[in-house]
PDB file of N, CA and C in Angstrom:
ATOM      1  N   MET A   1      -0.544  26.184   7.829  1.00  0.00           N
ATOM      2  CA  MET A   1      -0.309  24.788   8.108  1.00  0.00           C
ATOM      3  C   MET A   1       0.192  24.069   6.856  1.00  0.00           C
ATOM      4  N   ASP A   2      -0.414  24.424   5.727  1.00  0.00           N
ATOM      5  CA  ASP A   2      -0.020  23.768   4.485  1.00  0.00           C
ATOM      6  C   ASP A   2       1.421  24.099   4.113  1.00  0.00           C
ATOM      7  N   VAL A   3       1.857  25.311   4.434  1.00  0.00           N
ATOM      8  CA  VAL A   3       3.238  25.702   4.125  1.00  0.00           C
ATOM      9  C   VAL A   3       4.221  24.852   4.926  1.00  0.00           C
ATOM     10  N   LEU A   4       3.908  24.629   6.191  1.00  0.00           N
ATOM     11  CA  LEU A   4       4.773  23.806   7.034  1.00  0.00           C
ATOM     12  C   LEU A   4       4.823  22.360   6.532  1.00  0.00           C
ATOM     13  N   LEU A   5       3.673  21.822   6.188  1.00  0.00           N
ATOM     14  CA  LEU A   5       3.635  20.454   5.669  1.00  0.00           C
ATOM     15  C   LEU A   5       4.367  20.329   4.341  1.00  0.00           C
ATOM     16  N   ARG A   6       4.258  21.354   3.509  1.00  0.00           N
ATOM     17  CA  ARG A   6       4.969  21.334   2.224  1.00  0.00           C
ATOM     18  C   ARG A   6       6.483  21.345   2.445  1.00  0.00           C
ATOM     19  N   ARG A   7       6.937  22.103   3.442  1.00  0.00           N
ATOM     20  CA  ARG A   7       8.373  22.135   3.742  1.00  0.00           C
ATOM     21  C   ARG A   7       8.858  20.786   4.255  1.00  0.00           C
ATOM     22  N   PHE A   8       8.063  20.124   5.123  1.00  0.00           N
ATOM     23  CA  PHE A   8       8.411  18.783   5.590  1.00  0.00           C
ATOM     24  C   PHE A   8       8.473  17.799   4.422  1.00  0.00           C
ATOM     25  N   LEU A   9       7.523  17.910   3.514  1.00  0.00           N
ATOM     26  CA  LEU A   9       7.493  17.015   2.356  1.00  0.00           C
ATOM     27  C   LEU A   9       8.731  17.196   1.496  1.00  0.00           C
ATOM     28  N   ARG A  10       9.059  18.436   1.184  1.00  0.00           N
ATOM     29  CA  ARG A  10      10.239  18.700   0.354  1.00  0.00           C
ATOM     30  C   ARG A  10      11.524  18.265   1.049  1.00  0.00           C
ATOM     31  N   ALA A  11      11.636  18.550   2.352  1.00  0.00           N
ATOM     32  CA  ALA A  11      12.839  18.161   3.090  1.00  0.00           C
ATOM     33  C   ALA A  11      12.944  16.647   3.177  1.00  0.00           C
ATOM     34  N   GLY A  12      11.824  15.975   3.391  1.00  0.00           N
ATOM     35  CA  GLY A  12      11.843  14.522   3.479  1.00  0.00           C
ATOM     36  C   GLY A  12      12.266  13.868   2.178  1.00  0.00           C
ATOM     37  N   ILE A  13      11.768  14.371   1.073  1.00  0.00           N
ATOM     38  CA  ILE A  13      12.156  13.810  -0.231  1.00  0.00           C
ATOM     39  C   ILE A  13      13.617  14.112  -0.521  1.00  0.00           C
ATOM     40  N   ARG A  14      14.024  15.345  -0.272  1.00  0.00           N
ATOM     41  CA  ARG A  14      15.407  15.741  -0.557  1.00  0.00           C
ATOM     42  C   ARG A  14      16.394  14.926   0.276  1.00  0.00           C
ATOM     43  N   ARG A  15      16.121  14.797   1.559  1.00  0.00           N
ATOM     44  CA  ARG A  15      17.034  14.042   2.422  1.00  0.00           C
ATOM     45  C   ARG A  15      16.929  12.538   2.171  1.00  0.00           C
ATOM     46  N   GLY A  16      15.751  12.097   1.775  1.00  0.00           N
ATOM     47  CA  GLY A  16      15.602  10.688   1.425  1.00  0.00           C
ATOM     48  C   GLY A  16      16.410  10.329   0.196  1.00  0.00           C
ATOM     49  N   LEU A  17      16.399  11.201  -0.792  1.00  0.00           N
ATOM     50  CA  LEU A  17      17.211  10.974  -1.979  1.00  0.00           C
ATOM     51  C   LEU A  17      18.696  11.101  -1.672  1.00  0.00           C
ATOM     52  N   GLY A  18      19.005  11.826  -0.609  1.00  0.00           N
ATOM     53  CA  GLY A  18      20.393  11.981  -0.190  1.00  0.00           C
ATOM     54  C   GLY A  18      20.962  10.763   0.513  1.00  0.00           C
ATOM     55  N   GLY A  19      20.121   9.776   0.789  1.00  0.00           N
ATOM     56  CA  GLY A  19      20.617   8.552   1.377  1.00  0.00           C
ATOM     57  C   GLY A  19      19.994   8.176   2.702  1.00  0.00           C
ATOM     58  N   ASN A  20      19.253   9.065   3.316  1.00  0.00           N
ATOM     59  CA  ASN A  20      18.600   8.751   4.589  1.00  0.00           C
ATOM     60  C   ASN A  20      17.187   8.258   4.294  1.00  0.00           C
ATOM     61  N   TRP A  21      17.034   6.956   4.144  1.00  0.00           N
ATOM     62  CA  TRP A  21      15.769   6.376   3.699  1.00  0.00           C
ATOM     63  C   TRP A  21      14.615   6.644   4.665  1.00  0.00           C
ATOM     64  N   TYR A  22      14.905   6.803   5.951  1.00  0.00           N
ATOM     65  CA  TYR A  22      13.830   7.016   6.920  1.00  0.00           C
ATOM     66  C   TYR A  22      13.155   8.379   6.730  1.00  0.00           C
ATOM     67  N   TRP A  23      13.820   9.283   6.027  1.00  0.00           N
ATOM     68  CA  TRP A  23      13.174  10.565   5.718  1.00  0.00           C
ATOM     69  C   TRP A  23      12.038  10.371   4.728  1.00  0.00           C
ATOM     70  N   PHE A  24      12.106   9.275   3.933  1.00  0.00           N
ATOM     71  CA  PHE A  24      10.990   8.977   3.039  1.00  0.00           C
ATOM     72  C   PHE A  24       9.726   8.670   3.838  1.00  0.00           C
ATOM     73  N   LEU A  25       9.880   8.107   5.033  1.00  0.00           N
ATOM     74  CA  LEU A  25       8.720   7.853   5.886  1.00  0.00           C
ATOM     75  C   LEU A  25       8.058   9.168   6.292  1.00  0.00           C
ATOM     76  N   LEU A  26       8.881  10.145   6.651  1.00  0.00           N
ATOM     77  CA  LEU A  26       8.340  11.462   6.981  1.00  0.00           C
ATOM     78  C   LEU A  26       7.644  12.079   5.770  1.00  0.00           C
ATOM     79  N   ALA A  27       8.251  11.969   4.614  1.00  0.00           N
ATOM     80  CA  ALA A  27       7.663  12.524   3.400  1.00  0.00           C
ATOM     81  C   ALA A  27       6.344  11.824   3.078  1.00  0.00           C
ATOM     82  N   GLY A  28       6.305  10.508   3.213  1.00  0.00           N
ATOM     83  CA  GLY A  28       5.072   9.769   2.938  1.00  0.00           C
ATOM     84  C   GLY A  28       3.956  10.131   3.894  1.00  0.00           C
ATOM     85  N   ALA A  29       4.272  10.224   5.176  1.00  0.00           N
ATOM     86  CA  ALA A  29       3.265  10.594   6.167  1.00  0.00           C
ATOM     87  C   ALA A  29       2.769  12.020   5.931  1.00  0.00           C
ATOM     88  N   THR A  30       3.683  12.902   5.571  1.00  0.00           N
ATOM     89  CA  THR A  30       3.303  14.289   5.293  1.00  0.00           C
ATOM     90  C   THR A  30       2.420  14.369   4.062  1.00  0.00           C
ATOM     91  N   PHE A  31       2.730  13.582   3.046  1.00  0.00           N
ATOM     92  CA  PHE A  31       1.921  13.570   1.828  1.00  0.00           C
ATOM     93  C   PHE A  31       0.492  13.122   2.145  1.00  0.00           C
ATOM     94  N   VAL A  32       0.363  12.061   2.924  1.00  0.00           N
ATOM     95  CA  VAL A  32      -0.969  11.560   3.280  1.00  0.00           C
ATOM     96  C   VAL A  32      -1.719  12.593   4.120  1.00  0.00           C
ATOM     97  N   LEU A  33      -1.039  13.233   5.048  1.00  0.00           N
ATOM     98  CA  LEU A  33      -1.674  14.249   5.885  1.00  0.00           C
ATOM     99  C   LEU A  33      -2.130  15.442   5.058  1.00  0.00           C
ATOM    100  N   ARG A  34      -1.296  15.890   4.124  1.00  0.00           N
ATOM    101  CA  ARG A  34      -1.697  17.013   3.265  1.00  0.00           C
ATOM    102  C   ARG A  34      -2.916  16.658   2.427  1.00  0.00           C
ATOM    103  N   ARG A  35      -2.948  15.423   1.910  1.00  0.00           N
ATOM    104  CA  ARG A  35      -4.095  15.001   1.110  1.00  0.00           C
ATOM    105  C   ARG A  35      -5.360  14.951   1.949  1.00  0.00           C
ATOM    106  N   ALA A  36      -5.246  14.514   3.187  1.00  0.00           N
ATOM    107  CA  ALA A  36      -6.411  14.426   4.067  1.00  0.00           C
ATOM    108  C   ALA A  36      -6.916  15.815   4.456  1.00  0.00           C
ATOM    109  N   LEU A  37      -6.012  16.741   4.704  1.00  0.00           N
ATOM    110  CA  LEU A  37      -6.420  18.090   5.108  1.00  0.00           C
ATOM    111  C   LEU A  37      -6.952  18.907   3.941  1.00  0.00           C
ATOM    112  N   ASN A  38      -6.471  18.660   2.737  1.00  0.00           N
ATOM    113  CA  ASN A  38      -6.903  19.410   1.565  1.00  0.00           C
ATOM    114  C   ASN A  38      -7.921  18.633   0.745  1.00  0.00           C
ATOM    115  N   ASP A  39      -8.745  17.843   1.431  1.00  0.00           N
ATOM    116  CA  ASP A  39      -9.725  17.020   0.735  1.00  0.00           C
ATOM    117  C   ASP A  39     -10.744  17.914   0.031  1.00  0.00           C
ATOM    118  N   ARG A  40     -10.800  17.771  -1.257  1.00  0.00           N
ATOM    119  CA  ARG A  40     -11.760  18.534  -2.052  1.00  0.00           C
ATOM    120  C   ARG A  40     -12.951  17.648  -2.351  1.00  0.00           C
ATOM    121  N   PRO A  41     -14.114  18.246  -2.486  1.00  0.00           N
ATOM    122  CA  PRO A  41     -15.289  17.424  -2.778  1.00  0.00           C
ATOM    123  C   PRO A  41     -15.140  16.729  -4.132  1.00  0.00           C
ATOM    124  N   GLY A  42     -15.910  15.694  -4.317  1.00  0.00           N
ATOM    125  CA  GLY A  42     -15.851  14.895  -5.538  1.00  0.00           C
ATOM    126  C   GLY A  42     -16.414  15.614  -6.745  1.00  0.00           C
ATOM    127  N   ALA A  43     -17.036  14.870  -7.584  1.00  0.00           N
ATOM    128  CA  ALA A  43     -17.559  15.395  -8.838  1.00  0.00           C
ATOM    129  C   ALA A  43     -18.655  16.422  -8.580  1.00  0.00           C
ATOM    130  N   VAL A  44     -18.709  17.431  -9.441  1.00  0.00           N
ATOM    131  CA  VAL A  44     -19.746  18.447  -9.342  1.00  0.00           C
ATOM    132  C   VAL A  44     -21.060  17.888  -9.836  1.00  0.00           C
ATOM    133  N   SER A  45     -20.999  17.105 -10.894  1.00  0.00           N
ATOM    134  CA  SER A  45     -22.202  16.545 -11.482  1.00  0.00           C
ATOM    135  C   SER A  45     -21.871  15.228 -12.170  1.00  0.00           C
ATOM    136  N   THR A  46     -22.821  14.329 -12.187  1.00  0.00           N
ATOM    137  CA  THR A  46     -22.660  13.096 -12.945  1.00  0.00           C
ATOM    138  C   THR A  46     -23.833  12.949 -13.889  1.00  0.00           C
ATOM    139  N   VAL A  47     -23.562  12.454 -15.064  1.00  0.00           N
ATOM    140  CA  VAL A  47     -24.585  12.279 -16.082  1.00  0.00           C
ATOM    141  C   VAL A  47     -24.412  10.894 -16.688  1.00  0.00           C
ATOM    142  N   THR A  48     -25.502  10.158 -16.794  1.00  0.00           N
ATOM    143  CA  THR A  48     -25.465   8.868 -17.464  1.00  0.00           C
ATOM    144  C   THR A  48     -25.819   9.082 -18.920  1.00  0.00           C
ATOM    145  N   VAL A  49     -24.944   8.651 -19.805  1.00  0.00           N
ATOM    146  CA  VAL A  49     -25.146   8.850 -21.239  1.00  0.00           C
ATOM    147  C   VAL A  49     -25.425   7.492 -21.875  1.00  0.00           C
ATOM    148  N   SER A  50     -26.544   7.414 -22.558  1.00  0.00           N
ATOM    149  CA  SER A  50     -26.911   6.190 -23.269  1.00  0.00           C
ATOM    150  C   SER A  50     -26.322   6.223 -24.665  1.00  0.00           C
ATOM    151  N   PRO A  51     -26.191   5.075 -25.306  1.00  0.00           N
ATOM    152  CA  PRO A  51     -25.688   5.062 -26.681  1.00  0.00           C
ATOM    153  C   PRO A  51     -26.559   5.923 -27.590  1.00  0.00           C
ATOM    154  N   GLY A  52     -25.914   6.753 -28.379  1.00  0.00           N
ATOM    155  CA  GLY A  52     -26.618   7.646 -29.299  1.00  0.00           C
ATOM    156  C   GLY A  52     -26.860   9.031 -28.739  1.00  0.00           C
ATOM    157  N   GLU A  53     -26.730   9.221 -27.443  1.00  0.00           N
ATOM    158  CA  GLU A  53     -26.919  10.542 -26.849  1.00  0.00           C
ATOM    159  C   GLU A  53     -25.617  11.324 -26.903  1.00  0.00           C
ATOM    160  N   GLN A  54     -25.733  12.633 -26.834  1.00  0.00           N
ATOM    161  CA  GLN A  54     -24.568  13.505 -26.842  1.00  0.00           C
ATOM    162  C   GLN A  54     -24.635  14.439 -25.648  1.00  0.00           C
ATOM    163  N   VAL A  55     -23.470  14.813 -25.157  1.00  0.00           N
ATOM    164  CA  VAL A  55     -23.375  15.753 -24.044  1.00  0.00           C
ATOM    165  C   VAL A  55     -22.455  16.880 -24.465  1.00  0.00           C
ATOM    166  N   LEU A  56     -22.907  18.109 -24.280  1.00  0.00           N
ATOM    167  CA  LEU A  56     -22.101  19.289 -24.584  1.00  0.00           C
ATOM    168  C   LEU A  56     -21.650  19.899 -23.274  1.00  0.00           C
ATOM    169  N   ILE A  57     -20.338  19.993 -23.086  1.00  0.00           N
ATOM    170  CA  ILE A  57     -19.772  20.601 -21.883  1.00  0.00           C
ATOM    171  C   ILE A  57     -19.096  21.890 -22.316  1.00  0.00           C
ATOM    172  N   SER A  58     -19.505  22.998 -21.712  1.00  0.00           N
ATOM    173  CA  SER A  58     -18.898  24.282 -22.056  1.00  0.00           C
ATOM    174  C   SER A  58     -18.445  24.971 -20.776  1.00  0.00           C
ATOM    175  N   VAL A  59     -17.426  25.805 -20.925  1.00  0.00           N
ATOM    176  CA  VAL A  59     -16.874  26.535 -19.800  1.00  0.00           C
ATOM    177  C   VAL A  59     -16.918  28.013 -20.148  1.00  0.00           C
ATOM    178  N   ARG A  60     -17.400  28.805 -19.194  1.00  0.00           N
ATOM    179  CA  ARG A  60     -17.459  30.245 -19.426  1.00  0.00           C
ATOM    180  C   ARG A  60     -17.148  30.960 -18.118  1.00  0.00           C
ATOM    181  N   ASP A  61     -16.871  32.236 -18.229  1.00  0.00           N
ATOM    182  CA  ASP A  61     -16.635  33.076 -17.059  1.00  0.00           C
ATOM    183  C   ASP A  61     -17.950  33.236 -16.306  1.00  0.00           C
ATOM    184  N   ARG A  62     -17.921  33.057 -14.972  1.00  0.00           N
ATOM    185  CA  ARG A  62     -19.163  33.120 -14.213  1.00  0.00           C
ATOM    186  C   ARG A  62     -19.789  34.513 -14.239  1.00  0.00           C
ATOM    187  N   ASN A  63     -19.011  35.555 -14.538  1.00  0.00           N
ATOM    188  CA  ASN A  63     -19.543  36.917 -14.575  1.00  0.00           C
ATOM    189  C   ASN A  63     -20.170  37.259 -15.922  1.00  0.00           C
ATOM    190  N   THR A  64     -19.964  36.423 -16.929  1.00  0.00           N
ATOM    191  CA  THR A  64     -20.524  36.658 -18.256  1.00  0.00           C
ATOM    192  C   THR A  64     -21.885  35.977 -18.350  1.00  0.00           C
ATOM    193  N   PRO A  65     -22.905  36.693 -18.835  1.00  0.00           N
ATOM    194  CA  PRO A  65     -24.215  36.054 -18.958  1.00  0.00           C
ATOM    195  C   PRO A  65     -24.177  34.955 -20.023  1.00  0.00           C
ATOM    196  N   PRO A  66     -25.004  33.936 -19.891  1.00  0.00           N
ATOM    197  CA  PRO A  66     -25.014  32.869 -20.888  1.00  0.00           C
ATOM    198  C   PRO A  66     -25.433  33.389 -22.256  1.00  0.00           C
ATOM    199  N   ALA A  67     -24.904  32.766 -23.289  1.00  0.00           N
ATOM    200  CA  ALA A  67     -25.247  33.172 -24.656  1.00  0.00           C
ATOM    201  C   ALA A  67     -26.679  32.744 -24.961  1.00  0.00           C
ATOM    202  N   SER A  68     -27.351  33.553 -25.742  1.00  0.00           N
ATOM    203  CA  SER A  68     -28.717  33.201 -26.127  1.00  0.00           C
ATOM    204  C   SER A  68     -28.671  32.180 -27.257  1.00  0.00           C
ATOM    205  N   VAL A  69     -29.617  31.268 -27.242  1.00  0.00           N
ATOM    206  CA  VAL A  69     -29.690  30.219 -28.257  1.00  0.00           C
ATOM    207  C   VAL A  69     -30.929  30.470 -29.083  1.00  0.00           C
ATOM    208  N   SER A  70     -30.750  30.579 -30.379  1.00  0.00           N
ATOM    209  CA  SER A  70     -31.899  30.782 -31.254  1.00  0.00           C
ATOM    210  C   SER A  70     -32.206  29.490 -31.990  1.00  0.00           C
ATOM    211  N   ALA A  71     -33.392  29.413 -32.570  1.00  0.00           N
ATOM    212  CA  ALA A  71     -33.816  28.213 -33.283  1.00  0.00           C
ATOM    213  C   ALA A  71     -33.005  28.001 -34.557  1.00  0.00           C
ATOM    214  N   ALA A  72     -32.382  29.062 -35.089  1.00  0.00           N
ATOM    215  CA  ALA A  72     -31.617  28.968 -36.321  1.00  0.00           C
ATOM    216  C   ALA A  72     -30.301  28.246 -36.092  1.00  0.00           C
ATOM    217  N   ASP A  73     -29.819  28.160 -34.836  1.00  0.00           N
ATOM    218  CA  ASP A  73     -28.546  27.494 -34.555  1.00  0.00           C
ATOM    219  C   ASP A  73     -28.642  25.984 -34.662  1.00  0.00           C
ATOM    220  N   ASP A  74     -29.836  25.421 -34.579  1.00  0.00           N
ATOM    221  CA  ASP A  74     -29.987  23.972 -34.628  1.00  0.00           C
ATOM    222  C   ASP A  74     -29.731  23.521 -35.990  1.00  0.00           C
TER     223      ASP A  74
END
């Protein structure tokens, strides 16, 4: 379904730029429909940070075990 909508979007923009302004309507409607169908959930997590606090965000491979933290690292 997404492939078909993507083709409509590309054709609508291409033909709209070619001078047929009503194709922009098709492109706009297709864009909104694709966004509605591919709705991804919002934020994974939210954190409130007060002045003076710090937040460390790290990214790792999910298959790799977390690194061990020793007291000497502080």
